[in-house]
C-alpha cells in the first residue's frame, strides 16, 4: 500500500520504464497531474499504446460538472500526441466514474495499481489523503488477464445485453483555451475540482 507522493513516484517510474509495444491502460475520475500528462505523451512518442477511460465531468457537483480537468487534459493529450493517446469517456448517468485503475503491460509482465487516488496534483502531491495498492504481475497471473478483460469490456462496450459503457473521445473533448488555462491554474494550486 502506498499513499500520495509515493503513488506518483511509483506511477511515473513505471511509465518511464515502458518502451515500444508496451501498453498503459488508465481508468480514472480525474487525470491532470502535469508530470503524468508529460509522461503519457513521452510514452506515446516511444511507441507505447496509451488508452484512457475518463469521467466526462457531466455529473457530480461544483466544477465536477464542468468537465474540468478531464476534457481539457484529454484534448491536450490527443492533440499533442497526434492521436496516439486514445481516449474514451465513461457514459455516466448521475454517478461519477471513479475506479482509480492503472495497468501497465511490458512484454509478458504486468503492473497494476488500484486505489482511491485521483491522478491530480492534489492527490499525488500530498495535499489530500489517497492510497493505492500496487503489484507486479507475473506473465501468467490471472489478475492481469482479469484486469485487461475488465478494461476491454468497457473500452469496446462488450457487455451482455448491449450496454454501452463508453463513448468516443470527440463527444466531450474540449479545446477551449479559457477552460484549459483554468484547469492549469487549479492544477498548479493543487486545489479541488469538485
N, C-alpha and C. Protein backbone atom coordinates (compact mmCIF):
# COMPACT_ATOMS: atom_id res chain seq x y z
N UNK A 1 0.86 -1.17 0.00
CA UNK A 1 0.00 0.00 0.00
C UNK A 1 0.90 1.23 0.00
N UNK A 2 0.60 2.17 -0.88
CA UNK A 2 1.33 3.43 -0.94
C UNK A 2 0.34 4.59 -0.91
N UNK A 3 0.82 5.76 -0.55
CA UNK A 3 -0.05 6.93 -0.49
C UNK A 3 0.56 8.08 -1.28
N UNK A 4 -0.28 8.96 -1.73
CA UNK A 4 0.01 10.26 -2.33
C UNK A 4 1.29 10.34 -3.14
N UNK A 5 2.32 11.04 -2.62
CA UNK A 5 3.56 11.23 -3.37
C UNK A 5 4.23 9.92 -3.76
N UNK A 6 4.11 8.90 -2.93
CA UNK A 6 4.69 7.59 -3.26
C UNK A 6 3.95 6.96 -4.45
N UNK A 7 2.65 7.23 -4.56
CA UNK A 7 1.89 6.77 -5.73
C UNK A 7 2.46 7.43 -6.97
N UNK A 8 2.64 8.75 -6.92
CA UNK A 8 3.17 9.49 -8.07
C UNK A 8 4.54 8.95 -8.48
N UNK A 9 5.43 8.75 -7.50
CA UNK A 9 6.77 8.26 -7.82
C UNK A 9 6.72 6.88 -8.47
N UNK A 10 5.91 5.98 -7.93
CA UNK A 10 5.80 4.63 -8.49
C UNK A 10 5.20 4.66 -9.89
N UNK A 11 4.15 5.43 -10.07
CA UNK A 11 3.46 5.51 -11.36
C UNK A 11 4.36 6.13 -12.43
N UNK A 12 4.99 7.26 -12.11
CA UNK A 12 5.86 7.91 -13.08
C UNK A 12 7.07 7.05 -13.41
N UNK A 13 7.61 6.37 -12.41
CA UNK A 13 8.74 5.48 -12.65
C UNK A 13 8.37 4.32 -13.56
N UNK A 14 7.20 3.75 -13.34
CA UNK A 14 6.76 2.61 -14.16
C UNK A 14 6.49 3.04 -15.60
N UNK A 15 5.86 4.20 -15.77
CA UNK A 15 5.60 4.70 -17.12
C UNK A 15 6.91 5.01 -17.84
N UNK A 16 7.87 5.60 -17.13
CA UNK A 16 9.17 5.92 -17.73
C UNK A 16 9.91 4.67 -18.20
N UNK A 17 9.63 3.53 -17.59
CA UNK A 17 10.31 2.28 -17.94
C UNK A 17 9.68 1.57 -19.14
N UNK A 18 8.59 2.12 -19.68
CA UNK A 18 7.94 1.47 -20.82
C UNK A 18 8.69 1.74 -22.12
N UNK A 19 8.46 0.87 -23.09
CA UNK A 19 9.10 1.02 -24.40
C UNK A 19 8.13 0.57 -25.48
N UNK A 20 8.55 0.73 -26.72
CA UNK A 20 7.70 0.41 -27.88
C UNK A 20 7.02 -0.94 -27.72
N UNK A 21 5.71 -0.96 -27.96
CA UNK A 21 4.93 -2.18 -27.87
C UNK A 21 4.31 -2.43 -26.51
N UNK A 22 4.76 -1.71 -25.48
CA UNK A 22 4.14 -1.84 -24.17
C UNK A 22 2.78 -1.14 -24.18
N UNK A 23 2.01 -1.33 -23.11
CA UNK A 23 0.65 -0.78 -23.05
C UNK A 23 0.41 -0.13 -21.69
N UNK A 24 -0.30 0.99 -21.72
CA UNK A 24 -0.74 1.66 -20.50
C UNK A 24 -2.24 1.86 -20.61
N UNK A 25 -2.98 1.30 -19.67
CA UNK A 25 -4.43 1.47 -19.60
C UNK A 25 -4.76 2.18 -18.29
N UNK A 26 -5.49 3.29 -18.38
CA UNK A 26 -5.86 4.06 -17.19
C UNK A 26 -7.36 4.30 -17.22
N UNK A 27 -8.02 4.06 -16.08
CA UNK A 27 -9.43 4.41 -15.90
C UNK A 27 -9.49 5.27 -14.65
N UNK A 28 -9.96 6.53 -14.79
CA UNK A 28 -9.85 7.46 -13.67
C UNK A 28 -10.97 8.50 -13.66
N UNK A 29 -11.24 8.99 -12.45
CA UNK A 29 -12.17 10.11 -12.30
C UNK A 29 -11.53 11.39 -12.83
N UNK A 30 -10.30 11.67 -12.41
CA UNK A 30 -9.57 12.85 -12.88
C UNK A 30 -8.17 12.45 -13.29
N UNK A 31 -7.69 13.05 -14.38
CA UNK A 31 -6.31 12.89 -14.82
C UNK A 31 -5.82 14.27 -15.23
N UNK A 32 -4.93 14.86 -14.42
CA UNK A 32 -4.49 16.22 -14.74
C UNK A 32 -3.09 16.54 -14.24
N UNK A 33 -2.47 15.69 -13.43
CA UNK A 33 -1.15 15.99 -12.89
C UNK A 33 -0.18 16.18 -14.04
N UNK A 34 0.53 17.31 -14.05
CA UNK A 34 1.33 17.71 -15.20
C UNK A 34 2.46 16.72 -15.51
N UNK A 35 3.14 16.20 -14.51
CA UNK A 35 4.20 15.22 -14.78
C UNK A 35 3.62 13.96 -15.40
N UNK A 36 2.44 13.56 -14.98
CA UNK A 36 1.80 12.38 -15.55
C UNK A 36 1.38 12.63 -16.99
N UNK A 37 0.80 13.80 -17.26
CA UNK A 37 0.43 14.15 -18.63
C UNK A 37 1.66 14.08 -19.53
N UNK A 38 2.78 14.66 -19.08
CA UNK A 38 4.01 14.63 -19.89
C UNK A 38 4.53 13.21 -20.03
N UNK A 39 4.47 12.41 -18.97
CA UNK A 39 4.95 11.03 -19.03
C UNK A 39 4.15 10.21 -20.04
N UNK A 40 2.83 10.44 -20.09
CA UNK A 40 2.00 9.73 -21.06
C UNK A 40 2.32 10.15 -22.49
N UNK A 41 2.56 11.45 -22.70
CA UNK A 41 2.96 11.92 -24.03
C UNK A 41 4.31 11.32 -24.43
N UNK A 42 5.26 11.32 -23.51
CA UNK A 42 6.57 10.73 -23.80
C UNK A 42 6.44 9.25 -24.12
N UNK A 43 5.61 8.53 -23.37
CA UNK A 43 5.41 7.10 -23.63
C UNK A 43 4.81 6.88 -25.02
N UNK A 44 3.81 7.67 -25.37
CA UNK A 44 3.20 7.54 -26.70
C UNK A 44 4.23 7.80 -27.79
N UNK A 45 5.11 8.77 -27.59
CA UNK A 45 6.16 9.06 -28.58
C UNK A 45 7.15 7.91 -28.71
N UNK A 46 7.32 7.11 -27.63
CA UNK A 46 8.20 5.94 -27.68
C UNK A 46 7.53 4.73 -28.33
N UNK A 47 6.25 4.85 -28.68
CA UNK A 47 5.54 3.73 -29.29
C UNK A 47 4.75 2.90 -28.32
N UNK A 48 4.53 3.42 -27.11
CA UNK A 48 3.71 2.73 -26.12
C UNK A 48 2.24 3.00 -26.45
N UNK A 49 1.40 1.98 -26.37
CA UNK A 49 -0.04 2.15 -26.57
C UNK A 49 -0.62 2.74 -25.28
N UNK A 50 -1.27 3.89 -25.39
CA UNK A 50 -1.84 4.57 -24.23
C UNK A 50 -3.34 4.72 -24.45
N UNK A 51 -4.13 4.10 -23.55
CA UNK A 51 -5.59 4.21 -23.61
C UNK A 51 -6.11 4.73 -22.28
N UNK A 52 -6.97 5.75 -22.36
CA UNK A 52 -7.52 6.39 -21.17
C UNK A 52 -9.03 6.31 -21.18
N UNK A 53 -9.62 5.80 -20.10
CA UNK A 53 -11.07 5.85 -19.88
C UNK A 53 -11.29 6.88 -18.78
N UNK A 54 -11.99 7.95 -19.10
CA UNK A 54 -12.13 9.05 -18.16
C UNK A 54 -13.58 9.41 -17.91
N UNK A 55 -13.83 9.99 -16.76
CA UNK A 55 -15.15 10.54 -16.44
C UNK A 55 -15.30 11.84 -17.23
N UNK A 56 -16.44 12.06 -17.90
CA UNK A 56 -16.60 13.26 -18.71
C UNK A 56 -16.89 14.52 -17.90
N UNK A 57 -17.15 14.39 -16.61
CA UNK A 57 -17.41 15.56 -15.80
C UNK A 57 -18.75 16.20 -16.10
N UNK A 58 -19.76 15.40 -16.35
CA UNK A 58 -21.09 15.96 -16.58
C UNK A 58 -22.03 15.72 -15.40
N UNK A 59 -21.61 14.87 -14.48
CA UNK A 59 -22.39 14.58 -13.28
C UNK A 59 -21.53 14.88 -12.07
N UNK A 60 -22.12 15.01 -10.93
CA UNK A 60 -21.39 15.38 -9.73
C UNK A 60 -21.85 16.74 -9.24
N UNK A 61 -20.93 17.50 -8.67
CA UNK A 61 -21.28 18.81 -8.14
C UNK A 61 -20.10 19.75 -8.34
N UNK A 62 -20.33 21.06 -8.23
CA UNK A 62 -19.29 22.05 -8.40
C UNK A 62 -18.61 21.94 -9.75
N UNK A 63 -17.28 22.10 -9.75
CA UNK A 63 -16.54 22.02 -11.00
C UNK A 63 -16.58 20.62 -11.61
N UNK A 64 -16.94 19.62 -10.81
CA UNK A 64 -17.06 18.26 -11.34
C UNK A 64 -18.06 18.21 -12.49
N UNK A 65 -18.99 19.15 -12.53
CA UNK A 65 -19.98 19.17 -13.61
C UNK A 65 -19.51 19.97 -14.80
N UNK A 66 -18.36 20.63 -14.71
CA UNK A 66 -17.87 21.48 -15.80
C UNK A 66 -17.02 20.71 -16.80
N UNK A 67 -16.60 19.50 -16.43
CA UNK A 67 -15.71 18.74 -17.29
C UNK A 67 -14.25 19.01 -17.03
N UNK A 68 -13.96 20.04 -16.23
CA UNK A 68 -12.57 20.35 -15.88
C UNK A 68 -12.13 19.32 -14.84
N UNK A 69 -11.00 18.71 -14.95
CA UNK A 69 -9.89 18.93 -15.86
C UNK A 69 -9.84 17.96 -17.04
N UNK A 70 -10.67 16.91 -16.99
CA UNK A 70 -10.51 15.81 -17.96
C UNK A 70 -10.69 16.22 -19.41
N UNK A 71 -11.67 17.02 -19.69
CA UNK A 71 -11.92 17.37 -21.09
C UNK A 71 -10.73 18.14 -21.67
N UNK A 72 -10.18 19.03 -20.87
CA UNK A 72 -9.05 19.83 -21.35
C UNK A 72 -7.77 19.01 -21.41
N UNK A 73 -7.53 18.19 -20.38
CA UNK A 73 -6.33 17.33 -20.38
C UNK A 73 -6.41 16.32 -21.53
N UNK A 74 -7.57 15.75 -21.75
CA UNK A 74 -7.74 14.78 -22.85
C UNK A 74 -7.50 15.45 -24.19
N UNK A 75 -8.03 16.65 -24.36
CA UNK A 75 -7.82 17.38 -25.60
C UNK A 75 -6.33 17.61 -25.84
N UNK A 76 -5.63 18.02 -24.79
CA UNK A 76 -4.18 18.25 -24.89
C UNK A 76 -3.45 16.96 -25.24
N UNK A 77 -3.77 15.86 -24.56
CA UNK A 77 -3.09 14.59 -24.80
C UNK A 77 -3.32 14.07 -26.22
N UNK A 78 -4.53 14.16 -26.69
CA UNK A 78 -4.83 13.68 -28.05
C UNK A 78 -4.14 14.56 -29.09
N UNK A 79 -4.24 15.89 -28.94
CA UNK A 79 -3.64 16.80 -29.91
C UNK A 79 -2.12 16.72 -29.90
N UNK A 80 -1.51 16.74 -28.73
CA UNK A 80 -0.05 16.75 -28.64
C UNK A 80 0.57 15.42 -29.07
N UNK A 81 -0.21 14.35 -29.05
CA UNK A 81 0.30 13.04 -29.48
C UNK A 81 -0.13 12.69 -30.90
N UNK A 82 -0.78 13.63 -31.58
CA UNK A 82 -1.33 13.36 -32.92
C UNK A 82 -2.23 12.13 -32.93
N UNK A 83 -3.01 11.98 -31.86
CA UNK A 83 -3.97 10.89 -31.77
C UNK A 83 -3.41 9.58 -31.24
N UNK A 84 -2.11 9.54 -30.92
CA UNK A 84 -1.53 8.30 -30.40
C UNK A 84 -2.09 7.96 -29.02
N UNK A 85 -2.33 8.98 -28.18
CA UNK A 85 -3.01 8.74 -26.91
C UNK A 85 -4.50 8.66 -27.24
N UNK A 86 -5.10 7.53 -26.91
CA UNK A 86 -6.52 7.32 -27.24
C UNK A 86 -7.36 7.49 -25.98
N UNK A 87 -8.51 8.14 -26.16
CA UNK A 87 -9.39 8.46 -25.04
C UNK A 87 -10.80 8.00 -25.36
N UNK A 88 -11.45 7.44 -24.35
CA UNK A 88 -12.88 7.19 -24.40
C UNK A 88 -13.47 7.71 -23.10
N UNK A 89 -14.74 8.07 -23.14
CA UNK A 89 -15.43 8.64 -21.98
C UNK A 89 -16.42 7.63 -21.43
N UNK A 90 -16.42 7.48 -20.11
CA UNK A 90 -17.41 6.62 -19.48
C UNK A 90 -18.75 7.32 -19.52
N UNK A 91 -19.78 6.59 -19.89
CA UNK A 91 -21.13 7.17 -20.03
C UNK A 91 -21.82 7.16 -18.67
N UNK A 92 -21.68 8.26 -17.94
CA UNK A 92 -22.29 8.36 -16.61
C UNK A 92 -23.77 8.72 -16.73
N UNK A 93 -24.51 8.35 -15.70
CA UNK A 93 -25.95 8.63 -15.64
C UNK A 93 -26.28 9.08 -14.21
N UNK A 94 -25.66 10.20 -13.79
CA UNK A 94 -25.88 10.72 -12.45
C UNK A 94 -24.77 10.39 -11.47
N UNK A 95 -23.95 9.38 -11.80
CA UNK A 95 -22.84 8.99 -10.94
C UNK A 95 -21.52 9.50 -11.53
N UNK A 96 -20.44 9.34 -10.80
CA UNK A 96 -19.12 9.64 -11.32
C UNK A 96 -18.36 8.32 -11.50
N UNK A 97 -17.51 8.27 -12.50
CA UNK A 97 -16.70 7.10 -12.82
C UNK A 97 -15.37 7.24 -12.09
N UNK A 98 -15.16 6.44 -11.05
CA UNK A 98 -14.01 6.64 -10.17
C UNK A 98 -13.30 5.34 -9.81
N UNK A 99 -12.77 4.61 -10.81
CA UNK A 99 -12.15 3.32 -10.48
C UNK A 99 -10.73 3.40 -9.92
N UNK A 100 -9.96 4.45 -10.20
CA UNK A 100 -8.58 4.51 -9.72
C UNK A 100 -7.74 3.34 -10.19
N UNK A 101 -7.67 3.12 -11.50
CA UNK A 101 -7.11 1.91 -12.10
C UNK A 101 -6.01 2.27 -13.09
N UNK A 102 -4.84 1.64 -12.95
CA UNK A 102 -3.77 1.76 -13.94
C UNK A 102 -3.19 0.37 -14.16
N UNK A 103 -3.11 -0.04 -15.41
CA UNK A 103 -2.49 -1.31 -15.79
C UNK A 103 -1.40 -1.00 -16.81
N UNK A 104 -0.17 -1.40 -16.50
CA UNK A 104 0.95 -1.22 -17.42
C UNK A 104 1.45 -2.61 -17.77
N UNK A 105 1.48 -2.90 -19.07
CA UNK A 105 1.94 -4.21 -19.55
C UNK A 105 3.22 -4.00 -20.34
N UNK A 106 4.28 -4.65 -19.89
CA UNK A 106 5.58 -4.59 -20.56
C UNK A 106 5.99 -6.01 -20.88
N UNK A 107 6.01 -6.32 -22.17
CA UNK A 107 6.32 -7.69 -22.56
C UNK A 107 5.29 -8.62 -21.96
N UNK A 108 5.74 -9.63 -21.24
CA UNK A 108 4.82 -10.60 -20.66
C UNK A 108 4.43 -10.26 -19.23
N UNK A 109 5.06 -9.24 -18.64
CA UNK A 109 4.75 -8.91 -17.25
C UNK A 109 3.80 -7.73 -17.15
N UNK A 110 3.20 -7.59 -15.99
CA UNK A 110 2.25 -6.51 -15.78
C UNK A 110 2.49 -5.79 -14.47
N UNK A 111 1.91 -4.62 -14.36
CA UNK A 111 2.00 -3.78 -13.16
C UNK A 111 0.61 -3.20 -12.98
N UNK A 112 0.02 -3.41 -11.82
CA UNK A 112 -1.36 -3.00 -11.59
C UNK A 112 -1.44 -2.09 -10.36
N UNK A 113 -2.16 -0.98 -10.52
CA UNK A 113 -2.42 -0.06 -9.42
C UNK A 113 -3.93 0.15 -9.31
N UNK A 114 -4.46 -0.07 -8.12
CA UNK A 114 -5.87 0.16 -7.86
C UNK A 114 -5.98 0.89 -6.54
N UNK A 115 -6.77 1.97 -6.51
CA UNK A 115 -6.91 2.69 -5.25
C UNK A 115 -7.83 3.89 -5.35
N UNK A 116 -7.69 4.77 -4.38
CA UNK A 116 -8.56 5.93 -4.28
C UNK A 116 -7.96 7.18 -4.89
N UNK A 117 -6.73 7.12 -5.35
CA UNK A 117 -6.04 8.32 -5.84
C UNK A 117 -6.63 8.81 -7.16
N UNK A 118 -6.97 10.08 -7.16
CA UNK A 118 -7.26 10.76 -8.42
C UNK A 118 -5.91 11.17 -8.98
N UNK A 119 -5.76 11.17 -10.26
CA UNK A 119 -4.46 11.43 -10.87
C UNK A 119 -4.27 12.93 -11.08
N UNK A 120 -4.28 13.64 -9.94
CA UNK A 120 -4.18 15.10 -9.90
C UNK A 120 -3.05 15.49 -8.97
N UNK A 121 -2.63 16.75 -9.05
CA UNK A 121 -1.61 17.25 -8.13
C UNK A 121 -2.11 17.16 -6.69
N UNK A 122 -3.38 17.42 -6.50
CA UNK A 122 -3.94 17.38 -5.14
C UNK A 122 -3.70 16.02 -4.50
N UNK A 123 -4.01 14.94 -5.20
CA UNK A 123 -3.87 13.60 -4.63
C UNK A 123 -2.45 13.05 -4.71
N UNK A 124 -1.73 13.37 -5.77
CA UNK A 124 -0.38 12.82 -5.96
C UNK A 124 0.71 13.72 -5.39
N UNK A 125 0.32 14.91 -4.93
CA UNK A 125 1.28 15.86 -4.40
C UNK A 125 1.16 16.08 -2.91
N UNK A 126 0.56 15.13 -2.21
CA UNK A 126 0.47 15.17 -0.75
C UNK A 126 -0.44 16.29 -0.22
N UNK A 127 -1.46 16.66 -0.97
CA UNK A 127 -2.44 17.64 -0.50
C UNK A 127 -3.71 16.98 0.03
N UNK A 128 -3.90 15.69 -0.24
CA UNK A 128 -5.14 15.01 0.09
C UNK A 128 -4.81 13.54 0.36
N UNK A 129 -5.44 12.95 1.33
CA UNK A 129 -5.14 11.56 1.63
C UNK A 129 -5.70 10.66 0.53
N UNK A 130 -4.83 9.93 -0.10
CA UNK A 130 -5.20 8.97 -1.13
C UNK A 130 -4.28 7.77 -1.01
N UNK A 131 -4.78 6.61 -1.34
CA UNK A 131 -3.98 5.40 -1.21
C UNK A 131 -4.21 4.48 -2.40
N UNK A 132 -3.24 3.61 -2.64
CA UNK A 132 -3.36 2.65 -3.73
C UNK A 132 -2.59 1.39 -3.38
N UNK A 133 -3.05 0.30 -3.93
CA UNK A 133 -2.33 -0.97 -3.87
C UNK A 133 -1.66 -1.14 -5.22
N UNK A 134 -0.37 -1.42 -5.20
CA UNK A 134 0.39 -1.61 -6.43
C UNK A 134 1.02 -3.00 -6.37
N UNK A 135 0.92 -3.72 -7.47
CA UNK A 135 1.52 -5.05 -7.51
C UNK A 135 2.12 -5.33 -8.88
N UNK A 136 3.24 -6.03 -8.87
CA UNK A 136 3.81 -6.56 -10.10
C UNK A 136 3.13 -7.89 -10.38
N UNK A 137 2.79 -8.12 -11.63
CA UNK A 137 2.06 -9.32 -12.01
C UNK A 137 2.94 -10.20 -12.90
N UNK A 138 3.13 -11.46 -12.53
CA UNK A 138 3.89 -12.36 -13.40
C UNK A 138 3.12 -12.61 -14.70
N UNK A 139 3.84 -13.11 -15.72
CA UNK A 139 3.23 -13.29 -17.03
C UNK A 139 1.94 -14.10 -17.04
N UNK A 140 1.81 -15.10 -16.19
CA UNK A 140 0.63 -15.97 -16.22
C UNK A 140 -0.40 -15.61 -15.15
N UNK A 141 -0.30 -14.43 -14.58
CA UNK A 141 -1.20 -14.04 -13.49
C UNK A 141 -2.63 -13.87 -13.98
N UNK A 142 -3.55 -14.55 -13.31
CA UNK A 142 -4.97 -14.42 -13.65
C UNK A 142 -5.46 -12.99 -13.42
N UNK A 143 -4.87 -12.30 -12.43
CA UNK A 143 -5.28 -10.92 -12.14
C UNK A 143 -4.99 -9.99 -13.31
N UNK A 144 -3.88 -10.21 -14.02
CA UNK A 144 -3.55 -9.37 -15.18
C UNK A 144 -4.58 -9.56 -16.28
N UNK A 145 -4.93 -10.81 -16.55
CA UNK A 145 -5.92 -11.10 -17.58
C UNK A 145 -7.28 -10.53 -17.19
N UNK A 146 -7.67 -10.67 -15.93
CA UNK A 146 -8.96 -10.16 -15.46
C UNK A 146 -9.00 -8.64 -15.54
N UNK A 147 -7.90 -7.98 -15.18
CA UNK A 147 -7.86 -6.52 -15.24
C UNK A 147 -7.99 -6.04 -16.68
N UNK A 148 -7.27 -6.66 -17.59
CA UNK A 148 -7.36 -6.27 -19.00
C UNK A 148 -8.73 -6.59 -19.57
N UNK A 149 -9.32 -7.72 -19.20
CA UNK A 149 -10.67 -8.06 -19.66
C UNK A 149 -11.68 -7.02 -19.21
N UNK A 150 -11.57 -6.56 -17.95
CA UNK A 150 -12.48 -5.53 -17.44
C UNK A 150 -12.32 -4.24 -18.24
N UNK A 151 -11.08 -3.82 -18.44
CA UNK A 151 -10.83 -2.59 -19.18
C UNK A 151 -11.36 -2.71 -20.61
N UNK A 152 -11.05 -3.81 -21.29
CA UNK A 152 -11.52 -4.02 -22.67
C UNK A 152 -13.04 -4.10 -22.75
N UNK A 153 -13.69 -4.69 -21.75
CA UNK A 153 -15.16 -4.74 -21.74
C UNK A 153 -15.72 -3.32 -21.80
N UNK A 154 -15.15 -2.42 -21.00
CA UNK A 154 -15.61 -1.03 -21.02
C UNK A 154 -15.20 -0.33 -22.31
N UNK A 155 -13.97 -0.50 -22.72
CA UNK A 155 -13.44 0.20 -23.89
C UNK A 155 -14.21 -0.17 -25.17
N UNK A 156 -14.47 -1.46 -25.33
CA UNK A 156 -15.11 -1.95 -26.56
C UNK A 156 -16.62 -2.17 -26.40
N UNK A 157 -17.18 -1.79 -25.24
CA UNK A 157 -18.61 -1.97 -24.98
C UNK A 157 -19.06 -3.40 -25.20
N UNK A 158 -18.36 -4.33 -24.55
CA UNK A 158 -18.63 -5.76 -24.69
C UNK A 158 -19.50 -6.29 -23.56
N UNK A 159 -20.56 -5.64 -23.27
CA UNK A 159 -21.42 -6.08 -22.17
C UNK A 159 -22.57 -6.91 -22.70
N UNK A 160 -23.01 -7.84 -21.87
CA UNK A 160 -24.19 -8.61 -22.27
C UNK A 160 -25.38 -7.67 -22.28
N UNK A 161 -26.30 -7.91 -23.16
CA UNK A 161 -27.49 -7.07 -23.26
C UNK A 161 -27.27 -5.77 -24.02
N UNK A 162 -26.07 -5.58 -24.58
CA UNK A 162 -25.83 -4.40 -25.41
C UNK A 162 -25.56 -3.10 -24.66
N UNK A 163 -25.25 -3.18 -23.38
CA UNK A 163 -24.95 -1.98 -22.62
C UNK A 163 -23.73 -1.29 -23.20
N UNK A 164 -23.84 0.02 -23.41
CA UNK A 164 -22.70 0.80 -23.88
C UNK A 164 -22.12 1.56 -22.71
N UNK A 165 -20.93 1.16 -22.29
CA UNK A 165 -20.27 1.80 -21.15
C UNK A 165 -19.57 3.08 -21.53
N UNK A 166 -19.00 3.14 -22.74
CA UNK A 166 -18.15 4.27 -23.11
C UNK A 166 -18.54 4.85 -24.46
N UNK A 167 -18.05 6.07 -24.68
CA UNK A 167 -18.31 6.76 -25.94
C UNK A 167 -17.01 7.36 -26.46
N UNK A 168 -17.02 7.79 -27.71
CA UNK A 168 -15.81 8.29 -28.38
C UNK A 168 -15.27 9.57 -27.77
N UNK A 169 -13.98 9.80 -27.98
CA UNK A 169 -13.28 10.96 -27.42
C UNK A 169 -13.89 12.28 -27.85
N UNK A 170 -14.29 12.39 -29.10
CA UNK A 170 -14.77 13.69 -29.61
C UNK A 170 -16.11 14.13 -29.01
N UNK A 171 -16.79 13.26 -28.29
CA UNK A 171 -18.07 13.62 -27.68
C UNK A 171 -17.88 14.68 -26.60
N UNK A 172 -16.82 14.58 -25.80
CA UNK A 172 -16.62 15.51 -24.69
C UNK A 172 -15.31 16.29 -24.71
N UNK A 173 -14.37 15.94 -25.56
CA UNK A 173 -13.09 16.64 -25.57
C UNK A 173 -13.32 18.13 -25.79
N UNK A 174 -12.59 18.97 -25.04
CA UNK A 174 -12.81 20.41 -25.05
C UNK A 174 -11.48 21.13 -25.28
N UNK A 175 -11.35 21.83 -26.38
CA UNK A 175 -10.12 22.53 -26.72
C UNK A 175 -10.18 24.02 -26.36
N UNK A 176 -11.15 24.44 -25.56
CA UNK A 176 -11.28 25.84 -25.15
C UNK A 176 -10.02 26.30 -24.42
N UNK A 177 -9.40 27.37 -24.89
CA UNK A 177 -8.19 27.89 -24.24
C UNK A 177 -8.50 28.46 -22.86
N UNK A 178 -9.65 29.12 -22.70
CA UNK A 178 -10.03 29.67 -21.41
C UNK A 178 -10.15 28.55 -20.37
N UNK A 179 -10.87 27.50 -20.72
CA UNK A 179 -11.05 26.39 -19.79
C UNK A 179 -9.74 25.63 -19.59
N UNK A 180 -8.89 25.54 -20.60
CA UNK A 180 -7.59 24.89 -20.47
C UNK A 180 -6.75 25.61 -19.40
N UNK A 181 -6.68 26.93 -19.48
CA UNK A 181 -5.87 27.67 -18.51
C UNK A 181 -6.51 27.68 -17.13
N UNK A 182 -7.82 27.56 -17.08
CA UNK A 182 -8.49 27.42 -15.78
C UNK A 182 -8.07 26.09 -15.14
N UNK A 183 -8.08 25.02 -15.91
CA UNK A 183 -7.63 23.72 -15.40
C UNK A 183 -6.18 23.80 -14.96
N UNK A 184 -5.32 24.45 -15.75
CA UNK A 184 -3.89 24.55 -15.40
C UNK A 184 -3.69 25.33 -14.11
N UNK A 185 -4.50 26.38 -13.89
CA UNK A 185 -4.41 27.16 -12.66
C UNK A 185 -4.80 26.31 -11.45
N UNK A 186 -5.95 25.61 -11.56
CA UNK A 186 -6.39 24.73 -10.48
C UNK A 186 -5.33 23.69 -10.16
N UNK A 187 -4.76 23.10 -11.20
CA UNK A 187 -3.76 22.05 -11.03
C UNK A 187 -2.51 22.62 -10.36
N UNK A 188 -2.06 23.79 -10.78
CA UNK A 188 -0.86 24.40 -10.18
C UNK A 188 -1.06 24.70 -8.70
N UNK A 189 -2.29 25.07 -8.32
CA UNK A 189 -2.57 25.37 -6.93
C UNK A 189 -2.85 24.12 -6.10
N UNK A 190 -3.05 22.99 -6.75
CA UNK A 190 -3.35 21.75 -6.03
C UNK A 190 -4.73 21.78 -5.40
N UNK A 191 -5.66 22.49 -6.02
CA UNK A 191 -7.00 22.62 -5.46
C UNK A 191 -7.93 21.58 -6.04
N UNK A 192 -9.11 21.51 -5.47
CA UNK A 192 -10.11 20.53 -5.84
C UNK A 192 -10.90 20.98 -7.05
N UNK A 193 -11.36 20.01 -7.82
CA UNK A 193 -12.23 20.28 -8.96
C UNK A 193 -13.69 20.13 -8.59
N UNK A 194 -13.97 19.56 -7.40
CA UNK A 194 -15.37 19.38 -7.02
C UNK A 194 -15.75 20.20 -5.83
